[in-house]
Amino acid sequence: MNATFENQSNLSLVLDVPVSLTIELGGCKLPMREVLQLNIGSVVQLDKPADAPVELSVNGKLIARGEVVVVEDRYGVKITEVLGQPVAA
């Protein structure tokens, strides 16, 4: 058996394992006093500019960046950069 076939065969064992995909739009730090004052209609300013890419993480590891899009009535993310992906020759 060649190494490529073995790697693909080994990989197929984990392809159906669920992982947690997180998309981070931004963040901020607030004193507890301000958190307790949040209400419907409150606006929380994030630490990233509106045009900054969002980050995609799998189980806490950053894997890609992208931009927020709207598909019908739902948010989505268009991948613009995959980290650690080899460049095609």
C-alpha atoms as a PDB file:
ATOM      1  CA  MET A   1       0.000   0.000   0.000  1.00  0.00           C
ATOM      2  CA  ASN A   2       1.395   3.418  -0.858  1.00  0.00           C
ATOM      3  CA  ALA A   3       1.653   6.267   1.650  1.00  0.00           C
ATOM      4  CA  THR A   4      -0.901   8.496  -0.116  1.00  0.00           C
ATOM      5  CA  PHE A   5      -3.579   5.802  -0.018  1.00  0.00           C
ATOM      6  CA  GLU A   6      -2.829   5.076   3.644  1.00  0.00           C
ATOM      7  CA  ASN A   7      -3.106   8.786   4.554  1.00  0.00           C
ATOM      8  CA  GLN A   8      -6.459   9.097   2.749  1.00  0.00           C
ATOM      9  CA  SER A   9      -7.687   5.920   4.405  1.00  0.00           C
ATOM     10  CA  ASN A  10      -6.634   7.162   7.861  1.00  0.00           C
ATOM     11  CA  LEU A  11      -8.238  10.551   7.217  1.00  0.00           C
ATOM     12  CA  SER A  12     -11.547   8.921   6.292  1.00  0.00           C
ATOM     13  CA  LEU A  13     -11.778   7.653   9.876  1.00  0.00           C
ATOM     14  CA  VAL A  14     -12.235  11.190  11.220  1.00  0.00           C
ATOM     15  CA  LEU A  15     -14.196  12.900   8.441  1.00  0.00           C
ATOM     16  CA  ASP A  16     -17.528  12.447  10.253  1.00  0.00           C
ATOM     17  CA  VAL A  17     -16.262  13.538  13.678  1.00  0.00           C
ATOM     18  CA  PRO A  18     -18.148  16.691  14.724  1.00  0.00           C
ATOM     19  CA  VAL A  19     -16.013  19.747  15.490  1.00  0.00           C
ATOM     20  CA  SER A  20     -16.921  23.169  16.806  1.00  0.00           C
ATOM     21  CA  LEU A  21     -16.642  25.927  14.176  1.00  0.00           C
ATOM     22  CA  THR A  22     -16.546  29.425  15.650  1.00  0.00           C
ATOM     23  CA  ILE A  23     -16.672  32.662  13.684  1.00  0.00           C
ATOM     24  CA  GLU A  24     -15.438  35.681  15.609  1.00  0.00           C
ATOM     25  CA  LEU A  25     -16.790  39.027  14.534  1.00  0.00           C
ATOM     26  CA  GLY A  26     -14.987  40.935  17.259  1.00  0.00           C
ATOM     27  CA  GLY A  27     -14.907  41.412  20.984  1.00  0.00           C
ATOM     28  CA  CYS A  28     -14.649  43.970  23.737  1.00  0.00           C
ATOM     29  CA  LYS A  29     -14.092  44.264  27.465  1.00  0.00           C
ATOM     30  CA  LEU A  30     -16.785  45.821  29.611  1.00  0.00           C
ATOM     31  CA  PRO A  31     -17.017  46.362  33.333  1.00  0.00           C
ATOM     32  CA  MET A  32     -19.673  44.178  34.946  1.00  0.00           C
ATOM     33  CA  ARG A  33     -21.663  47.341  35.697  1.00  0.00           C
ATOM     34  CA  GLU A  34     -22.096  47.981  31.959  1.00  0.00           C
ATOM     35  CA  VAL A  35     -22.891  44.316  31.207  1.00  0.00           C
ATOM     36  CA  LEU A  36     -25.698  44.408  33.772  1.00  0.00           C
ATOM     37  CA  GLN A  37     -27.078  47.544  32.098  1.00  0.00           C
ATOM     38  CA  LEU A  38     -27.373  45.883  28.663  1.00  0.00           C
ATOM     39  CA  ASN A  39     -30.939  45.749  27.461  1.00  0.00           C
ATOM     40  CA  ILE A  40     -32.934  45.233  24.278  1.00  0.00           C
ATOM     41  CA  GLY A  41     -31.708  47.853  21.826  1.00  0.00           C
ATOM     42  CA  SER A  42     -28.320  48.316  23.522  1.00  0.00           C
ATOM     43  CA  VAL A  43     -25.376  48.615  21.149  1.00  0.00           C
ATOM     44  CA  VAL A  44     -22.025  47.063  22.054  1.00  0.00           C
ATOM     45  CA  GLN A  45     -19.058  48.472  20.145  1.00  0.00           C
ATOM     46  CA  LEU A  46     -16.565  45.792  19.083  1.00  0.00           C
ATOM     47  CA  ASP A  47     -12.796  46.153  18.827  1.00  0.00           C
ATOM     48  CA  LYS A  48     -12.630  45.547  15.056  1.00  0.00           C
ATOM     49  CA  PRO A  49     -13.443  47.924  12.202  1.00  0.00           C
ATOM     50  CA  ALA A  50     -16.576  47.035  10.201  1.00  0.00           C
ATOM     51  CA  ASP A  51     -14.516  46.075   7.137  1.00  0.00           C
ATOM     52  CA  ALA A  52     -12.049  43.837   9.010  1.00  0.00           C
ATOM     53  CA  PRO A  53     -12.126  40.117   8.162  1.00  0.00           C
ATOM     54  CA  VAL A  54     -13.834  37.733  10.574  1.00  0.00           C
ATOM     55  CA  GLU A  55     -11.857  34.769  11.908  1.00  0.00           C
ATOM     56  CA  LEU A  56     -12.919  31.125  11.595  1.00  0.00           C
ATOM     57  CA  SER A  57     -11.646  28.693  14.226  1.00  0.00           C
ATOM     58  CA  VAL A  58     -12.123  24.953  14.558  1.00  0.00           C
ATOM     59  CA  ASN A  59     -11.939  23.742  18.152  1.00  0.00           C
ATOM     60  CA  GLY A  60     -10.164  26.981  19.081  1.00  0.00           C
ATOM     61  CA  LYS A  61      -7.554  26.871  16.281  1.00  0.00           C
ATOM     62  CA  LEU A  62      -7.641  29.685  13.722  1.00  0.00           C
ATOM     63  CA  ILE A  63      -7.999  28.138  10.250  1.00  0.00           C
ATOM     64  CA  ALA A  64      -9.319  30.882   7.961  1.00  0.00           C
ATOM     65  CA  ARG A  65     -10.515  34.451   7.538  1.00  0.00           C
ATOM     66  CA  GLY A  66     -13.468  35.748   5.612  1.00  0.00           C
ATOM     67  CA  GLU A  67     -16.118  38.399   5.160  1.00  0.00           C
ATOM     68  CA  VAL A  68     -19.680  38.449   6.407  1.00  0.00           C
ATOM     69  CA  VAL A  69     -22.365  38.024   3.734  1.00  0.00           C
ATOM     70  CA  VAL A  70     -26.145  37.704   3.866  1.00  0.00           C
ATOM     71  CA  VAL A  71     -27.720  34.706   2.138  1.00  0.00           C
ATOM     72  CA  GLU A  72     -31.501  35.076   1.978  1.00  0.00           C
ATOM     73  CA  ASP A  73     -32.341  35.907   5.605  1.00  0.00           C
ATOM     74  CA  ARG A  74     -29.246  34.376   7.225  1.00  0.00           C
ATOM     75  CA  TYR A  75     -25.667  35.421   7.842  1.00  0.00           C
ATOM     76  CA  GLY A  76     -22.854  33.576   6.140  1.00  0.00           C
ATOM     77  CA  VAL A  77     -19.114  33.924   5.745  1.00  0.00           C
ATOM     78  CA  LYS A  78     -17.288  34.039   2.427  1.00  0.00           C
ATOM     79  CA  ILE A  79     -13.818  32.523   2.946  1.00  0.00           C
ATOM     80  CA  THR A  80     -11.125  34.911   1.704  1.00  0.00           C
ATOM     81  CA  GLU A  81      -8.025  33.281   3.219  1.00  0.00           C
ATOM     82  CA  VAL A  82      -7.250  29.748   4.394  1.00  0.00           C
ATOM     83  CA  LEU A  83      -4.333  29.662   6.815  1.00  0.00           C
ATOM     84  CA  GLY A  84      -1.608  27.098   6.409  1.00  0.00           C
ATOM     85  CA  GLN A  85      -2.878  25.981   3.015  1.00  0.00           C
ATOM     86  CA  PRO A  86      -0.025  25.234   0.620  1.00  0.00           C
ATOM     87  CA  VAL A  87       0.181  27.516  -2.402  1.00  0.00           C
ATOM     88  CA  ALA A  88      -0.594  25.714  -5.685  1.00  0.00           C
ATOM     89  CA  ALA A  89       2.442  25.456  -7.969  1.00  0.00           C
END
